[in-house]
Protein backbone atom coordinates (compact mmCIF):
# COMPACT_ATOMS: atom_id res chain seq x y z
CA MET A 1 0.00 0.00 0.00
CA GLU A 2 2.84 2.41 0.84
CA THR A 3 4.38 2.01 -2.63
CA ARG A 4 1.11 2.55 -4.53
CA CYS A 5 0.29 5.74 -2.55
CA ALA A 6 3.77 7.10 -2.93
CA THR A 7 3.66 6.98 -6.72
CA THR A 8 0.72 9.40 -6.78
CA LEU A 9 2.37 12.01 -4.55
CA SER A 10 4.30 15.11 -5.56
CA ALA A 11 8.08 15.20 -5.09
CA GLY A 12 7.67 17.31 -1.93
CA CYS A 13 5.17 14.89 -0.46
CA LYS A 14 7.48 11.97 -1.28
CA ARG A 15 10.23 13.56 0.76
CA LEU A 16 7.85 14.15 3.68
CA PHE A 17 6.55 10.60 3.38
CA ALA A 18 10.08 9.22 3.44
CA ALA A 19 10.96 11.27 6.50
CA CYS A 20 7.90 9.97 8.32
CA LEU A 21 8.90 6.37 7.60
CA LEU A 22 12.38 7.01 8.94
CA SER A 23 11.03 8.63 12.11
CA LEU A 24 8.91 5.54 12.70
CA GLY A 25 12.01 3.36 12.47
CA LEU A 26 10.90 1.49 9.33
CA ALA A 27 13.60 -0.16 7.27
CA SER A 28 15.15 2.00 4.57
CA ALA A 29 14.36 -0.74 2.10
CA ALA A 30 10.70 0.27 2.37
CA LEU A 31 11.51 3.70 0.96
CA PRO A 32 11.14 4.51 -2.73
CA LEU A 33 14.52 4.55 -4.49
CA ALA A 34 14.26 8.33 -5.19
CA ALA A 35 13.65 9.13 -1.53
CA ARG A 36 16.60 6.98 -0.46
CA ALA A 37 18.90 8.72 -2.93
CA GLU A 38 17.98 12.17 -1.59
CA THR A 39 19.14 11.26 1.96
CA SER A 40 22.46 9.66 1.01
CA PHE A 41 26.03 11.01 1.17
CA THR A 42 29.09 9.95 -0.73
CA SER A 43 31.83 8.17 1.16
CA GLU A 44 34.02 11.27 0.88
CA GLN A 45 31.27 13.49 2.27
CA LEU A 46 30.68 11.18 5.20
CA GLN A 47 34.37 11.11 6.03
CA SER A 48 34.72 14.88 5.81
CA ARG A 49 31.64 15.55 7.94
CA MET A 50 32.80 13.04 10.55
CA LEU A 51 36.28 14.57 10.78
CA GLU A 52 34.91 18.08 11.12
CA ARG A 53 32.59 16.97 13.94
CA ARG A 54 35.50 15.22 15.64
CA ALA A 55 37.59 18.39 15.33
CA VAL A 56 34.90 20.46 17.05
CA GLU A 57 34.48 17.95 19.88
CA ALA A 58 38.26 17.54 20.24
CA ALA A 59 38.57 21.29 20.82
CA VAL A 60 35.74 21.34 23.38
CA TRP A 61 37.34 18.41 25.20
CA GLY A 62 40.93 19.60 24.89
CA ILE A 63 40.72 23.34 25.64
CA PRO A 64 42.13 22.95 29.19
CA LEU A 65 45.24 21.20 27.82
CA VAL A 66 45.74 23.72 25.04
CA ASN A 67 45.18 26.63 27.43
CA PHE A 68 47.94 25.16 29.61
CA ASP A 69 50.28 24.60 26.66
CA ALA A 70 49.78 28.12 25.30
CA MET A 71 51.01 29.56 28.60
CA ARG A 72 53.82 27.01 28.90
CA GLN A 73 55.11 27.76 25.41
CA ALA A 74 55.02 31.51 26.21
CA TYR A 75 56.94 30.74 29.42
CA PHE A 76 59.65 29.06 27.35
CA ARG A 77 59.56 31.43 24.34
CA ASP A 78 58.65 34.89 25.65
CA ALA A 79 60.14 34.70 29.13
CA GLY A 80 63.13 32.55 28.13
CA ALA A 81 62.31 30.36 31.12
CA GLN A 82 62.91 26.69 31.87
CA TYR A 83 60.96 24.40 34.19
CA ASN A 84 61.23 25.55 37.84
CA ASP A 85 62.14 29.13 36.94
CA VAL A 86 60.09 31.76 38.80
CA MET A 87 58.42 34.12 36.32
CA TYR A 88 56.71 37.24 37.66
CA TRP A 89 55.25 40.65 36.87
CA SER A 90 56.96 43.29 39.00
CA ARG A 91 54.06 45.71 38.73
CA PRO A 92 50.35 45.68 37.86
CA SER A 93 49.83 44.27 34.38
CA ASP A 94 49.10 46.15 31.17
CA TRP A 95 47.94 44.65 27.85
CA LYS A 96 51.28 42.87 27.39
CA ASN A 97 50.12 40.24 29.89
CA GLN A 98 48.26 38.13 27.34
CA THR A 99 46.67 35.52 29.55
CA THR A 100 42.95 34.91 29.97
CA THR A 101 41.20 37.47 32.23
CA PRO A 102 44.14 38.50 34.41
CA ASN A 103 43.65 41.19 37.03
CA HIS A 104 45.71 44.28 36.27
CA SER A 105 46.02 45.13 40.00
CA THR A 106 47.96 42.08 41.10
CA ILE A 107 51.61 41.00 41.08
CA TYR A 108 51.46 37.57 39.44
CA VAL A 109 53.97 34.77 39.90
CA MET A 110 54.02 31.67 37.67
CA VAL A 111 56.12 28.53 37.81
CA PHE A 112 55.84 25.55 35.47
CA VAL A 113 57.11 22.19 36.70
CA ASN A 114 57.47 18.75 35.16
CA VAL A 115 57.47 15.73 37.48
CA LYS A 116 58.27 13.05 34.91
CA ASP A 117 61.64 12.44 36.59
CA GLY A 118 60.42 12.72 40.17
CA PRO A 119 58.74 15.01 42.73
CA VAL A 120 59.35 18.75 42.69
CA VAL A 121 59.46 20.97 45.78
CA LEU A 122 57.60 24.28 45.93
CA ASP A 123 58.94 26.11 48.98
CA ILE A 124 56.51 28.91 49.87
CA PRO A 125 57.81 31.60 52.25
CA ALA A 126 55.74 32.93 55.12
CA THR A 127 53.80 36.09 54.34
CA LYS A 128 54.70 39.36 56.06
CA ASN A 129 53.50 42.64 54.60
CA ALA A 130 51.54 41.20 51.67
CA GLY A 131 48.94 38.52 51.18
CA LEU A 132 49.54 35.48 48.98
CA TYR A 133 46.81 33.56 47.17
CA GLY A 134 47.20 30.74 44.69
CA ALA A 135 47.24 27.03 44.00
CA VAL A 136 49.11 24.24 42.31
CA VAL A 137 47.20 23.41 39.12
CA ASP A 138 47.53 20.38 36.83
CA SER A 139 47.59 20.53 33.05
CA TRP A 140 43.81 19.92 32.92
CA THR A 141 43.49 23.23 34.85
CA ILE A 142 42.25 21.38 37.93
CA PRO A 143 43.40 23.17 41.10
CA LEU A 144 45.04 20.57 43.32
CA LEU A 145 45.81 22.42 46.55
CA ASN A 146 45.72 26.04 47.68
CA VAL A 147 48.86 27.66 49.03
CA GLY A 148 49.59 30.89 50.89
CA SER A 149 47.34 33.02 53.10
CA ARG A 150 44.20 30.91 52.47
CA GLY A 151 46.10 27.74 51.61
CA GLU A 152 47.37 24.72 53.47
CA ASP A 153 50.12 26.74 55.15
CA GLN A 154 47.77 29.61 56.17
CA GLY A 155 50.44 32.17 55.34
CA LYS A 156 53.03 30.57 57.63
CA GLY A 157 54.99 29.14 54.71
CA GLY A 158 55.48 25.51 53.81
CA ARG A 159 57.29 23.03 51.58
CA TYR A 160 54.84 21.58 49.08
CA LEU A 161 55.79 18.45 47.17
CA VAL A 162 54.24 17.88 43.72
CA LEU A 163 54.13 14.12 43.13
CA PRO A 164 54.16 12.34 39.73
CA PRO A 165 51.12 10.34 38.58
CA GLY A 166 50.92 7.06 40.49
CA TYR A 167 53.81 7.93 42.80
CA LYS A 168 54.54 5.10 45.26
CA GLY A 169 57.56 6.52 47.07
CA GLU A 170 57.69 7.97 50.54
CA VAL A 171 56.93 11.60 51.27
CA PRO A 172 59.68 12.94 53.58
CA ALA A 173 58.62 14.45 56.89
CA GLY A 174 57.90 18.16 56.78
CA TYR A 175 56.47 18.21 53.24
CA ILE A 176 52.89 18.81 52.17
CA ALA A 177 52.14 16.24 49.47
CA ILE A 178 50.28 17.21 46.29
CA PRO A 179 49.52 14.09 44.23
CA SER A 180 49.05 14.96 40.56
CA SER A 181 47.51 12.90 37.76
CA THR A 182 49.51 14.85 35.15
CA VAL A 183 53.21 15.18 34.41
CA ASN A 184 53.01 18.93 33.74
CA ASN A 185 51.74 21.29 36.42
CA TYR A 186 51.94 24.98 37.20
CA THR A 187 51.52 27.33 40.10
CA LEU A 188 49.90 30.74 39.82
CA LEU A 189 50.36 32.99 42.84
CA ARG A 190 48.94 36.44 43.48
CA VAL A 191 50.93 38.72 45.72
CA ILE A 192 48.41 41.13 47.25
CA THR A 193 50.20 44.28 48.40
CA LYS A 194 48.64 46.89 50.69
CA THR A 195 48.84 49.51 47.94
CA THR A 196 50.39 49.79 44.49
CA SER A 197 52.95 52.35 45.67
CA ASP A 198 56.52 51.83 44.48
CA ALA A 199 57.57 50.83 47.98
CA ASP A 200 54.82 48.23 48.45
CA LEU A 201 55.37 46.76 44.99
CA ALA A 202 59.12 46.54 45.61
CA GLY A 203 58.39 44.78 48.89
CA GLY A 204 56.15 42.33 47.08
CA VAL A 205 58.91 41.54 44.59
CA ASP A 206 61.45 41.07 47.38
CA TYR A 207 59.05 38.64 49.02
CA LEU A 208 58.40 36.55 45.90
CA LYS A 209 62.15 36.22 45.34
CA THR A 210 62.34 34.11 48.48
CA LEU A 211 60.19 31.45 46.78
CA LYS A 212 62.18 28.30 45.95
CA VAL A 213 61.46 25.55 43.40
CA TYR A 214 63.67 22.49 42.91
CA PRO A 215 63.59 18.70 42.40
CA LEU A 216 63.26 16.68 45.61
CA ALA A 217 66.36 14.75 44.53
CA LYS A 218 68.37 18.00 44.86
CA ALA A 219 66.82 19.07 48.18
CA ALA A 220 70.10 18.71 50.06
CA ALA A 221 71.78 21.29 47.85
CA PRO A 222 69.28 22.91 45.46
CA ALA A 223 70.53 25.11 42.68
CA ALA A 224 69.77 28.82 42.95
CA ASN A 225 66.49 29.74 41.31
CA ARG A 226 66.17 32.14 38.41
CA TYR A 227 63.64 34.97 38.80
CA ILE A 228 62.42 36.40 35.50
CA ASP A 229 60.52 39.68 35.33
CA VAL A 230 58.19 39.88 32.29
CA ALA A 231 56.50 43.18 33.12
CA ASP A 232 57.98 44.84 30.03
CA LYS A 233 57.57 41.88 27.66
CA VAL A 234 54.63 40.66 25.62
CA TYR A 235 53.77 37.35 27.25
CA ASP A 236 51.60 35.77 24.56
CA GLY A 237 49.98 32.94 26.47
CA ILE A 238 46.51 32.84 24.90
CA VAL A 239 45.29 29.95 22.74
CA LYS A 240 45.44 30.45 18.97
CA TYR A 241 42.08 29.53 17.51
CA ASP A 242 43.35 28.24 14.18
CA ALA A 243 44.49 24.85 12.89
CA SER A 244 47.60 25.04 15.11
CA PHE A 245 45.26 24.40 18.07
CA TYR A 246 45.41 20.70 17.18
CA GLU A 247 49.22 20.66 17.06
CA SER A 248 49.21 21.81 20.67
CA LEU A 249 46.54 19.28 21.58
CA ALA A 250 48.52 16.46 19.96
CA ARG A 251 51.64 17.54 21.87
CA MET A 252 49.84 17.52 25.22
CA VAL A 253 48.13 14.18 24.56
CA ALA A 254 51.54 12.68 23.75
CA GLU A 255 53.04 13.98 27.03
CA GLU A 256 50.28 13.28 29.53
CA PRO A 257 48.88 9.99 30.86
CA VAL A 258 45.54 9.00 29.41
CA GLN A 259 42.82 9.21 32.07
CA ALA A 260 40.35 6.31 32.23
CA ARG A 261 37.51 8.81 31.86
CA ASP A 262 38.86 9.83 28.43
CA LEU A 263 39.29 6.46 26.73
CA ALA A 264 36.23 6.85 24.51
CA ILE A 265 37.32 10.34 23.46
CA MET A 266 40.82 9.06 22.67
CA GLY A 267 39.18 6.60 20.29
CA GLN A 268 37.50 9.52 18.53
CA LEU A 269 40.70 11.57 18.43
CA SER A 270 42.47 8.79 16.57
CA ALA A 271 40.50 9.78 13.46
CA LEU A 272 42.41 13.09 13.62
CA ASP A 273 45.75 11.25 14.08
CA ILE A 274 45.95 12.45 17.70
CA GLY A 275 47.00 9.76 20.15
CA LYS A 276 49.85 8.13 22.01
CA THR A 277 51.15 6.11 19.06
CA LEU A 278 50.03 8.39 16.24
CA SER A 279 51.91 10.95 14.18
CA PHE A 280 50.05 14.23 13.71
CA LYS A 281 51.00 15.54 10.26
CA PRO A 282 47.87 16.90 8.56
CA ASP A 283 48.03 17.72 4.87
CA ALA A 284 46.58 20.91 3.37
CA GLN A 285 43.10 19.40 2.97
CA ARG A 286 43.06 18.20 6.58
CA GLN A 287 44.36 21.60 7.77
CA ALA A 288 41.40 23.30 6.08
CA LEU A 289 39.02 20.90 7.79
CA LEU A 290 40.66 21.53 11.17
CA GLN A 291 40.38 25.26 10.59
CA ARG A 292 36.62 24.96 10.09
CA GLY A 293 36.36 22.82 13.19
CA ILE A 294 38.23 25.20 15.49
CA GLU A 295 36.30 28.21 14.21
CA GLU A 296 33.02 26.56 15.17
CA ALA A 297 34.37 25.36 18.52
CA HIS A 298 35.75 28.83 19.29
CA ALA A 299 32.38 30.45 18.59
CA TYR A 300 30.66 27.84 20.75
CA MET A 301 32.98 28.45 23.70
CA MET A 302 32.72 32.25 23.44
CA ASP A 303 28.93 32.05 23.43
CA GLY A 304 28.91 29.53 26.27
CA TYR A 305 31.11 31.60 28.55
CA ALA A 306 29.06 34.74 27.96
CA LYS A 307 25.88 32.91 29.04
CA SER A 308 27.33 30.76 31.81
CA GLY A 309 27.22 31.50 35.52
CA ILE A 310 24.50 32.64 37.90
CA ALA A 311 22.79 36.02 37.89
CA ILE A 312 24.30 37.73 40.94
CA TRP A 313 21.26 39.93 41.64
CA GLY A 314 18.68 37.89 39.75
CA ASP A 315 16.58 39.78 37.20
CA LYS A 316 17.61 43.15 38.66
CA ARG A 317 21.04 43.23 37.03
CA LYS A 318 23.02 41.78 34.12
CA TRP A 319 26.03 40.76 36.23
CA ARG A 320 26.75 37.01 36.33
CA SER A 321 29.19 34.79 38.20
CA LEU A 322 32.10 33.43 36.17
CA ALA A 323 30.88 29.83 36.26
CA GLY A 324 27.77 27.89 37.21
CA PRO A 325 26.90 25.59 40.11
CA LYS A 326 28.35 22.51 38.41
CA ALA A 327 31.77 24.14 38.46
CA MET A 328 31.56 24.93 42.16
CA ALA A 329 30.04 21.56 43.12
CA THR A 330 32.93 19.74 41.47
CA LYS A 331 35.63 22.16 42.77
CA LEU A 332 36.45 23.10 39.18
CA SER A 333 37.29 19.54 38.14
CA PHE A 334 33.95 19.41 36.28
CA ILE A 335 33.80 15.70 37.14
CA ASP A 336 30.80 14.12 38.83
CA PRO A 337 32.11 10.63 39.73
CA ALA A 338 30.03 7.82 38.25
CA GLN A 339 27.80 10.39 36.54
CA GLU A 340 29.42 12.56 33.89
CA MET A 341 32.18 14.88 32.83
CA HIS A 342 30.71 18.36 32.31
CA LEU A 343 32.60 18.92 29.07
CA ASP A 344 30.71 21.96 27.84
CA GLN A 345 30.88 23.85 31.13
CA ARG A 346 34.58 23.00 31.40
CA ALA A 347 35.22 24.34 27.91
CA TYR A 348 33.39 27.59 28.65
CA ALA A 349 35.45 28.11 31.80
CA TRP A 350 38.92 27.45 30.38
CA PHE A 351 38.26 29.45 27.25
CA ALA A 352 38.22 32.51 29.53
CA MET A 353 40.10 31.71 32.76
CA PHE A 354 43.33 30.30 34.14
CA GLY A 355 45.10 29.83 37.45
CA PRO A 356 42.13 28.79 39.60
CA ILE A 357 42.23 28.08 43.31
CA VAL A 358 40.26 25.31 44.98
CA PRO A 359 36.84 26.86 45.64
CA PRO A 360 35.34 28.49 47.50
CA GLY A 361 37.67 31.42 47.05
CA PRO A 362 38.00 34.47 49.28
CA HIS A 363 36.97 36.86 46.52
CA VAL A 364 33.91 37.63 44.37
CA TYR A 365 34.24 37.90 40.59
CA MET A 366 31.43 38.87 38.23
CA LYS A 367 31.12 39.50 34.49
CA SER A 368 28.92 41.50 32.16
CA TYR A 369 28.64 41.40 28.39
CA GLU A 370 25.73 43.81 28.05
CA THR A 371 24.19 47.11 29.04
CA ASP A 372 21.19 47.72 31.25
CA LYS A 373 19.10 47.63 28.05
CA GLY A 374 20.52 44.26 26.98
CA GLN A 375 22.76 45.69 24.24
CA GLN A 376 26.00 43.79 23.62
CA LEU A 377 29.14 45.72 24.54
CA ASP A 378 30.92 47.00 21.42
CA GLY A 379 34.25 48.81 21.52
CA SER A 380 33.01 51.41 19.03
CA HIS A 381 30.63 52.93 21.60
CA SER A 382 31.03 54.76 24.89
CA TYR A 383 29.70 53.42 28.19
CA ARG A 384 29.49 54.34 31.87
CA LEU A 385 29.51 52.16 34.97
CA THR A 386 28.54 53.89 38.22
CA ILE A 387 29.93 52.06 41.24
CA PRO A 388 27.81 52.90 44.30
CA ALA A 389 29.47 54.24 47.42
CA ASN A 390 31.09 51.92 49.94
CA PRO A 391 31.83 48.84 47.79
CA PRO A 392 31.94 45.83 50.15
CA ALA A 393 35.68 45.18 49.71
CA ARG A 394 37.96 44.88 52.73
CA ASP A 395 41.03 44.70 50.48
CA PHE A 396 40.21 46.38 47.15
CA TRP A 397 37.95 46.29 44.10
CA ALA A 398 39.03 46.21 40.46
CA VAL A 399 37.40 46.56 37.03
CA ASP A 400 38.95 45.27 33.80
CA ALA A 401 37.89 45.12 30.15
CA TYR A 402 38.65 42.12 27.92
CA ASP A 403 38.60 41.22 24.25
CA GLY A 404 35.48 39.16 23.58
CA HIS A 405 37.32 36.88 21.13
CA THR A 406 40.34 36.01 23.29
CA ALA A 407 39.27 36.81 26.88
CA GLY A 408 42.61 38.59 27.24
CA PHE A 409 43.36 42.26 27.70
CA ILE A 410 42.55 44.30 24.60
CA ARG A 411 45.80 44.53 22.67
CA GLU A 412 47.43 47.95 22.60
CA ALA A 413 44.88 49.24 25.14
CA LYS A 414 46.15 52.35 26.89
CA VAL A 415 44.25 51.54 30.10
CA VAL A 416 43.14 47.94 30.73
CA GLY A 417 41.52 48.50 34.12
CA LEU A 418 41.03 50.65 37.21
CA ASP A 419 40.83 49.85 40.91
CA SER A 420 40.31 51.30 44.35
CA TYR A 421 44.08 51.63 44.80
CA ASN A 422 43.99 54.40 42.20
CA GLN A 423 44.25 57.85 43.80
CA GLN A 424 43.71 59.79 40.56
CA MET A 425 40.15 58.62 39.95
CA LYS A 426 37.44 61.20 40.51
CA LYS A 427 34.73 60.42 43.02
CA ASN A 428 31.22 61.83 43.04
CA ALA A 429 29.91 63.85 45.99
CA ASP A 430 27.97 60.85 47.31
CA GLY A 431 31.06 58.60 47.27
CA SER A 432 30.13 56.75 44.10
CA VAL A 433 32.57 56.45 41.18
CA ASP A 434 31.77 56.75 37.46
CA LEU A 435 33.98 54.63 35.19
CA TYR A 436 33.95 55.17 31.41
CA PHE A 437 34.66 52.70 28.60
CA GLY A 438 35.28 53.59 24.98
CA PRO A 439 37.86 53.98 22.21
CA LYS A 440 38.63 57.57 23.33
CA PRO A 441 38.81 59.10 26.82
CA PRO A 442 35.87 61.35 27.76
CA ALA A 443 36.83 65.00 28.11
CA GLY A 444 37.33 65.86 31.77
CA ASN A 445 37.15 62.22 32.91
CA GLU A 446 40.40 60.85 31.51
CA SER A 447 41.43 59.50 34.94
CA ASN A 448 38.26 57.36 35.09
CA TRP A 449 38.59 55.84 31.60
CA ILE A 450 39.24 52.24 30.47
CA SER A 451 40.05 51.94 26.78
CA THR A 452 38.33 49.71 24.23
CA LYS A 453 38.92 49.07 20.52
CA ALA A 454 36.48 50.25 17.86
CA GLY A 455 34.58 47.41 16.21
CA GLN A 456 35.67 44.81 18.76
CA PRO A 457 33.28 43.11 21.20
CA PHE A 458 34.39 43.20 24.80
CA PHE A 459 33.24 42.26 28.28
CA ILE A 460 33.92 43.51 31.79
CA LEU A 461 34.91 41.80 35.03
CA PHE A 462 34.28 43.38 38.42
CA ARG A 463 36.33 41.91 41.27
CA ILE A 464 35.88 42.33 45.01
CA TYR A 465 38.85 41.24 47.11
CA GLY A 466 37.90 40.53 50.70
CA PRO A 467 34.10 40.82 50.30
CA ASP A 468 32.20 41.72 53.43
CA LYS A 469 28.68 41.05 54.67
CA ALA A 470 26.95 43.47 52.28
CA MET A 471 28.18 41.41 49.32
CA ALA A 472 27.25 38.09 50.90
CA GLU A 473 23.73 39.36 51.59
CA ARG A 474 23.51 41.13 48.21
CA SER A 475 22.38 44.28 50.00
CA TRP A 476 24.99 46.26 48.06
CA VAL A 477 23.98 46.28 44.39
CA LEU A 478 26.29 47.13 41.50
CA ASN A 479 24.71 49.17 38.72
CA ASP A 480 24.51 47.91 35.15
CA ILE A 481 26.55 49.45 32.35
CA GLU A 482 24.93 52.30 30.45
CA GLN A 483 25.54 53.11 26.78
CA LEU A 484 26.23 56.83 26.27
CA ASP A 485 26.13 57.18 22.45
């Protein structure tokens, strides 16, 4: 009966009829030959479509590894560093610090270590006149243990020992063990000075230069550490969203142990010649396919980060937390044991962040991509953010603007951010502060201006260091951003 009815239908009806049969799970053999031909692909098309899908999913899965590798390669290339060298910014960062959403107000310290040949010691000095916040982080961007003022040593200093995957040896007395499931790891520390005066910054640098990093095997007589200041260099540590993304991914997969949770994904990656025993040498045709894949994955991660997180003040404001409840519930591992790996949420996070601490953290971070009217922030326009009086920050608050495509500081920006340390900012009579964003400084308010780039989307982060009760209760409410032109 199906065949007789189908012969009397128009071509459009035949296609609809065929689709209905498929949705009912009927065998394709029951379809008219013409309908079957219209739903088929050539072998070459199937292969190409499969590889492009695999490329997109590989990027979503692998962004933490590639984020790590981008910073590590910059550590080697731009800083001229080697494993265990102490790299730092001697003053608040400008646009040359090309990492994802750094805070311009903070002295950053980074150390990359490799434990393939044995445990590595991270000797953290006791804090004195400055606070210290940070963590040891593995190459999947999972924070392993906090160090410093809010860490295991509580600011008293301590010798942390980063252990290789599956380490069975003894941990000597007096060390704080940090088991790692990856060979490569890094530490990001934030030295929080009382002010950004020359004297306080110099004191912060003197303090960080008492940090020691060395192999446990050399603990009896460790070599002197090298301390490398990159404040005046372009540290280009942001992922490149082109076909080279997969070269980095292949490199990291080759170096790191395969986690049991990732075995199925490793099977998929093999189609891209990424794996432990595979050689990644894509030809021109494959490079073009990878380029299409990373462009789609990049757009997906940008969109996901912009929409992720929780509305800080509900429907009243556009400000959102940096990540959602799944991130916090899993302490930024994004792993629910025996349930699932939250791949999408993980990709959103590590597209735009780095150097996490084990939550909950002592600070409040929030982001906004839009105005009070719901308009997307565009660097061609001018905007104003009015910060109400008495921000609930025991330490300080800071505001920074970031490139929407990279989540890094806007390149060549004259002013990347402002904070409560700044003594040149104008305050209103009621104690509030108006900050301005745009490609040109507003006449008469140059000291309150953060620069953007015409034609480039951007977003803003507002940070509160040492939040007090008014922030916890949400009784202090930050205004939304207003467009001025």
